[in-house]
Amino acid sequence: MEHMAGAIDPFIFRLSIFVLAVFVGYYVVWSVTPALHTPLMSVTNAISSVIVVGALLAVGVDTVGDGSPIFARLLGFIALIFASVNIFGGFLVTQRMLAMYTKKKK
């Protein structure tokens, strides 16, 4: 039996990266000025559209090997739903932000 001195469990390593990403993302998002919100939402919508394409591929393509195609399709469908909600919600928020900058009609 080999002794692996200093080896870190891959799950703990990935979990720590995720937790750090959550903290960094929280502080970055809340420090954005309102004037930059609309361009950042557009970028977020573009990223979500790429996720939609990947989710459609996961839903529609048969898996190869011993994997469970139903599980892969289920995860693809869930990703498709979440990304679609994110895109449409982003468009609604962007419209509201842009409406704040238009002059009111009297």
PDB file of N, CA and C in Angstrom:
ATOM      1  N   MET A   1       0.845  -1.176   0.000  1.00  0.00           N
ATOM      2  CA  MET A   1       0.000   0.000   0.000  1.00  0.00           C
ATOM      3  C   MET A   1       0.889   1.237   0.000  1.00  0.00           C
ATOM      4  N   GLU A   2       0.634   2.117  -0.911  1.00  0.00           N
ATOM      5  CA  GLU A   2       1.432   3.334  -1.019  1.00  0.00           C
ATOM      6  C   GLU A   2       0.874   4.404  -0.100  1.00  0.00           C
ATOM      7  N   HIS A   3       1.768   5.195   0.418  1.00  0.00           N
ATOM      8  CA  HIS A   3       1.370   6.309   1.265  1.00  0.00           C
ATOM      9  C   HIS A   3       1.431   7.581   0.432  1.00  0.00           C
ATOM     10  N   MET A   4       0.303   8.228   0.293  1.00  0.00           N
ATOM     11  CA  MET A   4       0.242   9.447  -0.520  1.00  0.00           C
ATOM     12  C   MET A   4       0.289  10.653   0.422  1.00  0.00           C
ATOM     13  N   ALA A   5       1.497  11.106   0.711  1.00  0.00           N
ATOM     14  CA  ALA A   5       1.670  12.238   1.623  1.00  0.00           C
ATOM     15  C   ALA A   5       1.244  13.524   0.938  1.00  0.00           C
ATOM     16  N   GLY A   6       0.376  14.263   1.596  1.00  0.00           N
ATOM     17  CA  GLY A   6      -0.041  15.561   1.075  1.00  0.00           C
ATOM     18  C   GLY A   6      -1.051  15.500  -0.042  1.00  0.00           C
ATOM     19  N   ALA A   7      -1.637  14.332  -0.310  1.00  0.00           N
ATOM     20  CA  ALA A   7      -2.620  14.227  -1.387  1.00  0.00           C
ATOM     21  C   ALA A   7      -3.955  14.796  -0.910  1.00  0.00           C
ATOM     22  N   ILE A   8      -4.594  15.542  -1.788  1.00  0.00           N
ATOM     23  CA  ILE A   8      -5.877  16.146  -1.470  1.00  0.00           C
ATOM     24  C   ILE A   8      -6.947  15.432  -2.280  1.00  0.00           C
ATOM     25  N   ASP A   9      -8.038  15.137  -1.609  1.00  0.00           N
ATOM     26  CA  ASP A   9      -9.158  14.492  -2.277  1.00  0.00           C
ATOM     27  C   ASP A   9      -9.671  15.416  -3.393  1.00  0.00           C
ATOM     28  N   PRO A  10      -9.860  14.898  -4.612  1.00  0.00           N
ATOM     29  CA  PRO A  10     -10.326  15.753  -5.715  1.00  0.00           C
ATOM     30  C   PRO A  10     -11.663  16.438  -5.432  1.00  0.00           C
ATOM     31  N   PHE A  11     -12.551  15.776  -4.674  1.00  0.00           N
ATOM     32  CA  PHE A  11     -13.834  16.397  -4.347  1.00  0.00           C
ATOM     33  C   PHE A  11     -13.630  17.637  -3.476  1.00  0.00           C
ATOM     34  N   ILE A  12     -12.771  17.529  -2.479  1.00  0.00           N
ATOM     35  CA  ILE A  12     -12.496  18.670  -1.603  1.00  0.00           C
ATOM     36  C   ILE A  12     -11.836  19.797  -2.388  1.00  0.00           C
ATOM     37  N   PHE A  13     -10.944  19.452  -3.292  1.00  0.00           N
ATOM     38  CA  PHE A  13     -10.279  20.452  -4.125  1.00  0.00           C
ATOM     39  C   PHE A  13     -11.294  21.208  -4.980  1.00  0.00           C
ATOM     40  N   ARG A  14     -12.193  20.487  -5.632  1.00  0.00           N
ATOM     41  CA  ARG A  14     -13.206  21.126  -6.483  1.00  0.00           C
ATOM     42  C   ARG A  14     -14.211  21.918  -5.652  1.00  0.00           C
ATOM     43  N   LEU A  15     -14.563  21.392  -4.474  1.00  0.00           N
ATOM     44  CA  LEU A  15     -15.486  22.102  -3.600  1.00  0.00           C
ATOM     45  C   LEU A  15     -14.886  23.426  -3.122  1.00  0.00           C
ATOM     46  N   SER A  16     -13.609  23.418  -2.802  1.00  0.00           N
ATOM     47  CA  SER A  16     -12.966  24.662  -2.358  1.00  0.00           C
ATOM     48  C   SER A  16     -12.899  25.685  -3.492  1.00  0.00           C
ATOM     49  N   ILE A  17     -12.659  25.244  -4.716  1.00  0.00           N
ATOM     50  CA  ILE A  17     -12.661  26.164  -5.862  1.00  0.00           C
ATOM     51  C   ILE A  17     -14.062  26.742  -6.060  1.00  0.00           C
ATOM     52  N   PHE A  18     -15.092  25.917  -5.926  1.00  0.00           N
ATOM     53  CA  PHE A  18     -16.463  26.391  -6.068  1.00  0.00           C
ATOM     54  C   PHE A  18     -16.806  27.430  -5.007  1.00  0.00           C
ATOM     55  N   VAL A  19     -16.439  27.160  -3.756  1.00  0.00           N
ATOM     56  CA  VAL A  19     -16.734  28.099  -2.668  1.00  0.00           C
ATOM     57  C   VAL A  19     -16.007  29.422  -2.901  1.00  0.00           C
ATOM     58  N   LEU A  20     -14.748  29.373  -3.309  1.00  0.00           N
ATOM     59  CA  LEU A  20     -14.017  30.601  -3.615  1.00  0.00           C
ATOM     60  C   LEU A  20     -14.665  31.356  -4.771  1.00  0.00           C
ATOM     61  N   ALA A  21     -15.120  30.639  -5.789  1.00  0.00           N
ATOM     62  CA  ALA A  21     -15.773  31.285  -6.933  1.00  0.00           C
ATOM     63  C   ALA A  21     -17.071  31.967  -6.504  1.00  0.00           C
ATOM     64  N   VAL A  22     -17.804  31.361  -5.575  1.00  0.00           N
ATOM     65  CA  VAL A  22     -19.038  31.971  -5.081  1.00  0.00           C
ATOM     66  C   VAL A  22     -18.733  33.290  -4.372  1.00  0.00           C
ATOM     67  N   PHE A  23     -17.726  33.298  -3.510  1.00  0.00           N
ATOM     68  CA  PHE A  23     -17.377  34.530  -2.796  1.00  0.00           C
ATOM     69  C   PHE A  23     -16.869  35.611  -3.739  1.00  0.00           C
ATOM     70  N   VAL A  24     -15.992  35.256  -4.648  1.00  0.00           N
ATOM     71  CA  VAL A  24     -15.462  36.244  -5.600  1.00  0.00           C
ATOM     72  C   VAL A  24     -16.592  36.774  -6.486  1.00  0.00           C
ATOM     73  N   GLY A  25     -17.441  35.880  -6.978  1.00  0.00           N
ATOM     74  CA  GLY A  25     -18.566  36.309  -7.808  1.00  0.00           C
ATOM     75  C   GLY A  25     -19.510  37.232  -7.075  1.00  0.00           C
ATOM     76  N   TYR A  26     -19.788  36.934  -5.813  1.00  0.00           N
ATOM     77  CA  TYR A  26     -20.680  37.783  -5.016  1.00  0.00           C
ATOM     78  C   TYR A  26     -20.119  39.195  -4.889  1.00  0.00           C
ATOM     79  N   TYR A  27     -18.858  39.310  -4.534  1.00  0.00           N
ATOM     80  CA  TYR A  27     -18.273  40.635  -4.351  1.00  0.00           C
ATOM     81  C   TYR A  27     -18.083  41.369  -5.675  1.00  0.00           C
ATOM     82  N   VAL A  28     -17.817  40.672  -6.740  1.00  0.00           N
ATOM     83  CA  VAL A  28     -17.674  41.329  -8.051  1.00  0.00           C
ATOM     84  C   VAL A  28     -19.021  41.849  -8.535  1.00  0.00           C
ATOM     85  N   VAL A  29     -20.069  41.035  -8.407  1.00  0.00           N
ATOM     86  CA  VAL A  29     -21.386  41.434  -8.902  1.00  0.00           C
ATOM     87  C   VAL A  29     -21.941  42.612  -8.104  1.00  0.00           C
ATOM     88  N   TRP A  30     -21.791  42.592  -6.796  1.00  0.00           N
ATOM     89  CA  TRP A  30     -22.365  43.667  -5.990  1.00  0.00           C
ATOM     90  C   TRP A  30     -21.561  44.951  -6.047  1.00  0.00           C
ATOM     91  N   SER A  31     -20.363  44.922  -6.615  1.00  0.00           N
ATOM     92  CA  SER A  31     -19.588  46.160  -6.739  1.00  0.00           C
ATOM     93  C   SER A  31     -19.744  46.810  -8.111  1.00  0.00           C
ATOM     94  N   VAL A  32     -20.564  46.231  -8.988  1.00  0.00           N
ATOM     95  CA  VAL A  32     -20.785  46.794 -10.324  1.00  0.00           C
ATOM     96  C   VAL A  32     -21.710  48.008 -10.215  1.00  0.00           C
ATOM     97  N   THR A  33     -21.337  49.090 -10.870  1.00  0.00           N
ATOM     98  CA  THR A  33     -22.192  50.277 -10.871  1.00  0.00           C
ATOM     99  C   THR A  33     -23.403  50.028 -11.763  1.00  0.00           C
ATOM    100  N   PRO A  34     -24.518  50.698 -11.492  1.00  0.00           N
ATOM    101  CA  PRO A  34     -25.718  50.480 -12.309  1.00  0.00           C
ATOM    102  C   PRO A  34     -25.522  50.799 -13.792  1.00  0.00           C
ATOM    103  N   ALA A  35     -24.618  51.710 -14.122  1.00  0.00           N
ATOM    104  CA  ALA A  35     -24.405  52.053 -15.535  1.00  0.00           C
ATOM    105  C   ALA A  35     -23.809  50.888 -16.322  1.00  0.00           C
ATOM    106  N   LEU A  36     -23.073  50.019 -15.650  1.00  0.00           N
ATOM    107  CA  LEU A  36     -22.472  48.870 -16.331  1.00  0.00           C
ATOM    108  C   LEU A  36     -23.359  47.636 -16.320  1.00  0.00           C
ATOM    109  N   HIS A  37     -24.500  47.736 -15.666  1.00  0.00           N
ATOM    110  CA  HIS A  37     -25.339  46.555 -15.509  1.00  0.00           C
ATOM    111  C   HIS A  37     -25.864  46.042 -16.846  1.00  0.00           C
ATOM    112  N   THR A  38     -26.333  46.932 -17.699  1.00  0.00           N
ATOM    113  CA  THR A  38     -26.936  46.510 -18.961  1.00  0.00           C
ATOM    114  C   THR A  38     -25.944  45.818 -19.888  1.00  0.00           C
ATOM    115  N   PRO A  39     -24.726  46.356 -20.087  1.00  0.00           N
ATOM    116  CA  PRO A  39     -23.772  45.612 -20.931  1.00  0.00           C
ATOM    117  C   PRO A  39     -23.396  44.253 -20.342  1.00  0.00           C
ATOM    118  N   LEU A  40     -23.304  44.172 -19.022  1.00  0.00           N
ATOM    119  CA  LEU A  40     -22.958  42.890 -18.408  1.00  0.00           C
ATOM    120  C   LEU A  40     -24.094  41.885 -18.562  1.00  0.00           C
ATOM    121  N   MET A  41     -25.332  42.352 -18.528  1.00  0.00           N
ATOM    122  CA  MET A  41     -26.454  41.443 -18.737  1.00  0.00           C
ATOM    123  C   MET A  41     -26.445  40.901 -20.163  1.00  0.00           C
ATOM    124  N   SER A  42     -26.042  41.726 -21.112  1.00  0.00           N
ATOM    125  CA  SER A  42     -25.966  41.252 -22.497  1.00  0.00           C
ATOM    126  C   SER A  42     -24.930  40.148 -22.634  1.00  0.00           C
ATOM    127  N   VAL A  43     -23.809  40.300 -21.964  1.00  0.00           N
ATOM    128  CA  VAL A  43     -22.775  39.254 -21.997  1.00  0.00           C
ATOM    129  C   VAL A  43     -23.287  37.987 -21.328  1.00  0.00           C
ATOM    130  N   THR A  44     -24.002  38.140 -20.230  1.00  0.00           N
ATOM    131  CA  THR A  44     -24.564  36.982 -19.542  1.00  0.00           C
ATOM    132  C   THR A  44     -25.563  36.253 -20.428  1.00  0.00           C
ATOM    133  N   ASN A  45     -26.372  37.012 -21.169  1.00  0.00           N
ATOM    134  CA  ASN A  45     -27.315  36.374 -22.093  1.00  0.00           C
ATOM    135  C   ASN A  45     -26.583  35.618 -23.195  1.00  0.00           C
ATOM    136  N   ALA A  46     -25.473  36.158 -23.668  1.00  0.00           N
ATOM    137  CA  ALA A  46     -24.698  35.465 -24.703  1.00  0.00           C
ATOM    138  C   ALA A  46     -24.116  34.156 -24.164  1.00  0.00           C
ATOM    139  N   ILE A  47     -23.618  34.186 -22.937  1.00  0.00           N
ATOM    140  CA  ILE A  47     -23.073  32.960 -22.333  1.00  0.00           C
ATOM    141  C   ILE A  47     -24.184  31.934 -22.148  1.00  0.00           C
ATOM    142  N   SER A  48     -25.350  32.383 -21.713  1.00  0.00           N
ATOM    143  CA  SER A  48     -26.468  31.456 -21.529  1.00  0.00           C
ATOM    144  C   SER A  48     -26.926  30.856 -22.846  1.00  0.00           C
ATOM    145  N   SER A  49     -26.805  31.614 -23.927  1.00  0.00           N
ATOM    146  CA  SER A  49     -27.199  31.038 -25.217  1.00  0.00           C
ATOM    147  C   SER A  49     -26.264  29.907 -25.626  1.00  0.00           C
ATOM    148  N   VAL A  50     -24.993  30.002 -25.267  1.00  0.00           N
ATOM    149  CA  VAL A  50     -24.062  28.903 -25.528  1.00  0.00           C
ATOM    150  C   VAL A  50     -24.443  27.691 -24.677  1.00  0.00           C
ATOM    151  N   ILE A  51     -24.875  27.931 -23.452  1.00  0.00           N
ATOM    152  CA  ILE A  51     -25.321  26.838 -22.582  1.00  0.00           C
ATOM    153  C   ILE A  51     -26.552  26.168 -23.162  1.00  0.00           C
ATOM    154  N   VAL A  52     -27.449  26.960 -23.773  1.00  0.00           N
ATOM    155  CA  VAL A  52     -28.645  26.383 -24.398  1.00  0.00           C
ATOM    156  C   VAL A  52     -28.250  25.453 -25.535  1.00  0.00           C
ATOM    157  N   VAL A  53     -27.282  25.849 -26.335  1.00  0.00           N
ATOM    158  CA  VAL A  53     -26.837  24.989 -27.438  1.00  0.00           C
ATOM    159  C   VAL A  53     -26.277  23.676 -26.885  1.00  0.00           C
ATOM    160  N   GLY A  54     -25.445  23.751 -25.854  1.00  0.00           N
ATOM    161  CA  GLY A  54     -24.907  22.537 -25.244  1.00  0.00           C
ATOM    162  C   GLY A  54     -25.985  21.668 -24.626  1.00  0.00           C
ATOM    163  N   ALA A  55     -26.987  22.303 -24.000  1.00  0.00           N
ATOM    164  CA  ALA A  55     -28.084  21.538 -23.400  1.00  0.00           C
ATOM    165  C   ALA A  55     -28.928  20.856 -24.471  1.00  0.00           C
ATOM    166  N   LEU A  56     -29.144  21.543 -25.590  1.00  0.00           N
ATOM    167  CA  LEU A  56     -29.893  20.912 -26.689  1.00  0.00           C
ATOM    168  C   LEU A  56     -29.145  19.701 -27.238  1.00  0.00           C
ATOM    169  N   LEU A  57     -27.826  19.808 -27.311  1.00  0.00           N
ATOM    170  CA  LEU A  57     -27.037  18.658 -27.753  1.00  0.00           C
ATOM    171  C   LEU A  57     -27.142  17.511 -26.761  1.00  0.00           C
ATOM    172  N   ALA A  58     -27.122  17.838 -25.466  1.00  0.00           N
ATOM    173  CA  ALA A  58     -27.225  16.791 -24.452  1.00  0.00           C
ATOM    174  C   ALA A  58     -28.590  16.124 -24.480  1.00  0.00           C
ATOM    175  N   VAL A  59     -29.622  16.881 -24.782  1.00  0.00           N
ATOM    176  CA  VAL A  59     -30.969  16.307 -24.816  1.00  0.00           C
ATOM    177  C   VAL A  59     -31.181  15.456 -26.066  1.00  0.00           C
ATOM    178  N   GLY A  60     -30.638  15.909 -27.205  1.00  0.00           N
ATOM    179  CA  GLY A  60     -30.965  15.262 -28.468  1.00  0.00           C
ATOM    180  C   GLY A  60     -30.024  14.183 -28.949  1.00  0.00           C
ATOM    181  N   VAL A  61     -28.837  14.088 -28.394  1.00  0.00           N
ATOM    182  CA  VAL A  61     -27.845  13.148 -28.914  1.00  0.00           C
ATOM    183  C   VAL A  61     -27.808  11.908 -28.040  1.00  0.00           C
ATOM    184  N   ASP A  62     -27.766  10.746 -28.681  1.00  0.00           N
ATOM    185  CA  ASP A  62     -27.624   9.496 -27.931  1.00  0.00           C
ATOM    186  C   ASP A  62     -26.228   9.414 -27.342  1.00  0.00           C
ATOM    187  N   THR A  63     -26.141   8.884 -26.127  1.00  0.00           N
ATOM    188  CA  THR A  63     -24.839   8.724 -25.499  1.00  0.00           C
ATOM    189  C   THR A  63     -24.210   7.407 -25.929  1.00  0.00           C
ATOM    190  N   VAL A  64     -22.895   7.384 -25.918  1.00  0.00           N
ATOM    191  CA  VAL A  64     -22.151   6.204 -26.327  1.00  0.00           C
ATOM    192  C   VAL A  64     -21.522   5.589 -25.084  1.00  0.00           C
ATOM    193  N   GLY A  65     -21.548   4.293 -24.985  1.00  0.00           N
ATOM    194  CA  GLY A  65     -20.901   3.614 -23.863  1.00  0.00           C
ATOM    195  C   GLY A  65     -21.921   3.092 -22.866  1.00  0.00           C
ATOM    196  N   ASP A  66     -21.436   2.901 -21.636  1.00  0.00           N
ATOM    197  CA  ASP A  66     -22.274   2.307 -20.595  1.00  0.00           C
ATOM    198  C   ASP A  66     -23.065   3.343 -19.815  1.00  0.00           C
ATOM    199  N   GLY A  67     -22.954   4.591 -20.176  1.00  0.00           N
ATOM    200  CA  GLY A  67     -23.654   5.643 -19.432  1.00  0.00           C
ATOM    201  C   GLY A  67     -25.158   5.556 -19.606  1.00  0.00           C
ATOM    202  N   SER A  68     -25.849   6.240 -18.743  1.00  0.00           N
ATOM    203  CA  SER A  68     -27.306   6.252 -18.791  1.00  0.00           C
ATOM    204  C   SER A  68     -27.781   7.408 -19.660  1.00  0.00           C
ATOM    205  N   PRO A  69     -28.346   7.118 -20.848  1.00  0.00           N
ATOM    206  CA  PRO A  69     -28.798   8.217 -21.702  1.00  0.00           C
ATOM    207  C   PRO A  69     -29.959   9.003 -21.099  1.00  0.00           C
ATOM    208  N   ILE A  70     -30.781   8.345 -20.290  1.00  0.00           N
ATOM    209  CA  ILE A  70     -31.914   9.046 -19.686  1.00  0.00           C
ATOM    210  C   ILE A  70     -31.407  10.063 -18.662  1.00  0.00           C
ATOM    211  N   PHE A  71     -30.406   9.700 -17.881  1.00  0.00           N
ATOM    212  CA  PHE A  71     -29.840  10.628 -16.893  1.00  0.00           C
ATOM    213  C   PHE A  71     -29.187  11.818 -17.589  1.00  0.00           C
ATOM    214  N   ALA A  72     -28.452  11.565 -18.675  1.00  0.00           N
ATOM    215  CA  ALA A  72     -27.810  12.644 -19.418  1.00  0.00           C
ATOM    216  C   ALA A  72     -28.851  13.560 -20.056  1.00  0.00           C
ATOM    217  N   ARG A  73     -29.887  12.984 -20.586  1.00  0.00           N
ATOM    218  CA  ARG A  73     -30.948  13.792 -21.189  1.00  0.00           C
ATOM    219  C   ARG A  73     -31.694  14.600 -20.131  1.00  0.00           C
ATOM    220  N   LEU A  74     -31.893  14.025 -18.960  1.00  0.00           N
ATOM    221  CA  LEU A  74     -32.562  14.745 -17.868  1.00  0.00           C
ATOM    222  C   LEU A  74     -31.731  15.947 -17.434  1.00  0.00           C
ATOM    223  N   LEU A  75     -30.435  15.737 -17.260  1.00  0.00           N
ATOM    224  CA  LEU A  75     -29.568  16.858 -16.886  1.00  0.00           C
ATOM    225  C   LEU A  75     -29.518  17.919 -17.987  1.00  0.00           C
ATOM    226  N   GLY A  76     -29.506  17.487 -19.243  1.00  0.00           N
ATOM    227  CA  GLY A  76     -29.540  18.436 -20.354  1.00  0.00           C
ATOM    228  C   GLY A  76     -30.826  19.241 -20.375  1.00  0.00           C
ATOM    229  N   PHE A  77     -31.947  18.581 -20.080  1.00  0.00           N
ATOM    230  CA  PHE A  77     -33.237  19.275 -20.047  1.00  0.00           C
ATOM    231  C   PHE A  77     -33.281  20.290 -18.907  1.00  0.00           C
ATOM    232  N   ILE A  78     -32.754  19.921 -17.740  1.00  0.00           N
ATOM    233  CA  ILE A  78     -32.716  20.854 -16.607  1.00  0.00           C
ATOM    234  C   ILE A  78     -31.829  22.051 -16.941  1.00  0.00           C
ATOM    235  N   ALA A  79     -30.689  21.800 -17.576  1.00  0.00           N
ATOM    236  CA  ALA A  79     -29.811  22.900 -17.991  1.00  0.00           C
ATOM    237  C   ALA A  79     -30.506  23.796 -19.004  1.00  0.00           C
ATOM    238  N   LEU A  80     -31.266  23.200 -19.900  1.00  0.00           N
ATOM    239  CA  LEU A  80     -32.004  23.972 -20.904  1.00  0.00           C
ATOM    240  C   LEU A  80     -33.037  24.881 -20.237  1.00  0.00           C
ATOM    241  N   ILE A  81     -33.750  24.364 -19.265  1.00  0.00           N
ATOM    242  CA  ILE A  81     -34.761  25.165 -18.554  1.00  0.00           C
ATOM    243  C   ILE A  81     -34.097  26.321 -17.805  1.00  0.00           C
ATOM    244  N   PHE A  82     -33.044  26.031 -17.040  1.00  0.00           N
ATOM    245  CA  PHE A  82     -32.369  27.080 -16.264  1.00  0.00           C
ATOM    246  C   PHE A  82     -31.767  28.158 -17.161  1.00  0.00           C
ATOM    247  N   ALA A  83     -31.127  27.757 -18.235  1.00  0.00           N
ATOM    248  CA  ALA A  83     -30.512  28.740 -19.130  1.00  0.00           C
ATOM    249  C   ALA A  83     -31.578  29.578 -19.831  1.00  0.00           C
ATOM    250  N   SER A  84     -32.702  28.962 -20.194  1.00  0.00           N
ATOM    251  CA  SER A  84     -33.783  29.718 -20.835  1.00  0.00           C
ATOM    252  C   SER A  84     -34.379  30.743 -19.881  1.00  0.00           C
ATOM    253  N   VAL A  85     -34.602  30.357 -18.637  1.00  0.00           N
ATOM    254  CA  VAL A  85     -35.104  31.303 -17.635  1.00  0.00           C
ATOM    255  C   VAL A  85     -34.115  32.444 -17.452  1.00  0.00           C
ATOM    256  N   ASN A  86     -32.822  32.125 -17.432  1.00  0.00           N
ATOM    257  CA  ASN A  86     -31.795  33.154 -17.281  1.00  0.00           C
ATOM    258  C   ASN A  86     -31.795  34.125 -18.460  1.00  0.00           C
ATOM    259  N   ILE A  87     -31.947  33.613 -19.662  1.00  0.00           N
ATOM    260  CA  ILE A  87     -31.951  34.473 -20.854  1.00  0.00           C
ATOM    261  C   ILE A  87     -33.165  35.404 -20.840  1.00  0.00           C
ATOM    262  N   PHE A  88     -34.346  34.839 -20.658  1.00  0.00           N
ATOM    263  CA  PHE A  88     -35.549  35.667 -20.701  1.00  0.00           C
ATOM    264  C   PHE A  88     -35.607  36.639 -19.529  1.00  0.00           C
ATOM    265  N   GLY A  89     -35.173  36.207 -18.357  1.00  0.00           N
ATOM    266  CA  GLY A  89     -35.102  37.125 -17.220  1.00  0.00           C
ATOM    267  C   GLY A  89     -34.093  38.236 -17.457  1.00  0.00           C
ATOM    268  N   GLY A  90     -32.979  37.902 -18.099  1.00  0.00           N
ATOM    269  CA  GLY A  90     -31.977  38.917 -18.416  1.00  0.00           C
ATOM    270  C   GLY A  90     -32.502  39.961 -19.380  1.00  0.00           C
ATOM    271  N   PHE A  91     -33.277  39.516 -20.373  1.00  0.00           N
ATOM    272  CA  PHE A  91     -33.874  40.476 -21.301  1.00  0.00           C
ATOM    273  C   PHE A  91     -34.874  41.385 -20.592  1.00  0.00           C
ATOM    274  N   LEU A  92     -35.666  40.836 -19.681  1.00  0.00           N
ATOM    275  CA  LEU A  92     -36.619  41.665 -18.948  1.00  0.00           C
ATOM    276  C   LEU A  92     -35.912  42.699 -18.069  1.00  0.00           C
ATOM    277  N   VAL A  93     -34.872  42.267 -17.376  1.00  0.00           N
ATOM    278  CA  VAL A  93     -34.126  43.192 -16.528  1.00  0.00           C
ATOM    279  C   VAL A  93     -33.442  44.255 -17.373  1.00  0.00           C
ATOM    280  N   THR A  94     -32.895  43.878 -18.521  1.00  0.00           N
ATOM    281  CA  THR A  94     -32.242  44.845 -19.400  1.00  0.00           C
ATOM    282  C   THR A  94     -33.242  45.876 -19.902  1.00  0.00           C
ATOM    283  N   GLN A  95     -34.449  45.457 -20.266  1.00  0.00           N
ATOM    284  CA  GLN A  95     -35.473  46.406 -20.704  1.00  0.00           C
ATOM    285  C   GLN A  95     -35.841  47.373 -19.596  1.00  0.00           C
ATOM    286  N   ARG A  96     -35.945  46.882 -18.383  1.00  0.00           N
ATOM    287  CA  ARG A  96     -36.277  47.768 -17.262  1.00  0.00           C
ATOM    288  C   ARG A  96     -35.150  48.754 -16.982  1.00  0.00           C
ATOM    289  N   MET A  97     -33.911  48.280 -17.080  1.00  0.00           N
ATOM    290  CA  MET A  97     -32.782  49.188 -16.856  1.00  0.00           C
ATOM    291  C   MET A  97     -32.725  50.255 -17.936  1.00  0.00           C
ATOM    292  N   LEU A  98     -32.950  49.880 -19.194  1.00  0.00           N
ATOM    293  CA  LEU A  98     -32.932  50.859 -20.273  1.00  0.00           C
ATOM    294  C   LEU A  98     -34.094  51.846 -20.147  1.00  0.00           C
ATOM    295  N   ALA A  99     -35.228  51.396 -19.638  1.00  0.00           N
ATOM    296  CA  ALA A  99     -36.371  52.290 -19.442  1.00  0.00           C
ATOM    297  C   ALA A  99     -36.073  53.352 -18.379  1.00  0.00           C
ATOM    298  N   MET A 100     -35.177  53.056 -17.475  1.00  0.00           N
ATOM    299  CA  MET A 100     -34.815  54.043 -16.450  1.00  0.00           C
ATOM    300  C   MET A 100     -34.051  55.227 -17.061  1.00  0.00           C
ATOM    301  N   TYR A 101     -33.378  55.005 -18.182  1.00  0.00           N
ATOM    302  CA  TYR A 101     -32.566  56.050 -18.776  1.00  0.00           C
ATOM    303  C   TYR A 101     -33.288  56.843 -19.861  1.00  0.00           C
ATOM    304  N   THR A 102     -34.498  56.439 -20.217  1.00  0.00           N
ATOM    305  CA  THR A 102     -35.239  57.188 -21.246  1.00  0.00           C
ATOM    306  C   THR A 102     -35.983  58.342 -20.589  1.00  0.00           C
ATOM    307  N   LYS A 103     -36.196  59.383 -21.353  1.00  0.00           N
ATOM    308  CA  LYS A 103     -36.905  60.548 -20.837  1.00  0.00           C
ATOM    309  C   LYS A 103     -38.399  60.250 -20.788  1.00  0.00           C
ATOM    310  N   LYS A 104     -39.028  60.756 -19.769  1.00  0.00           N
ATOM    311  CA  LYS A 104     -40.463  60.552 -19.598  1.00  0.00           C
ATOM    312  C   LYS A 104     -41.230  61.480 -20.546  1.00  0.00           C
ATOM    313  N   LYS A 105     -42.310  60.969 -21.145  1.00  0.00           N
ATOM    314  CA  LYS A 105     -43.160  61.789 -21.995  1.00  0.00           C
ATOM    315  C   LYS A 105     -44.145  62.545 -21.119  1.00  0.00           C
ATOM    316  N   LYS A 106     -44.307  63.822 -21.395  1.00  0.00           N
ATOM    317  CA  LYS A 106     -45.225  64.624 -20.580  1.00  0.00           C
ATOM    318  C   LYS A 106     -46.497  64.917 -21.298  1.00  0.00           C
TER     319      LYS A 106
END
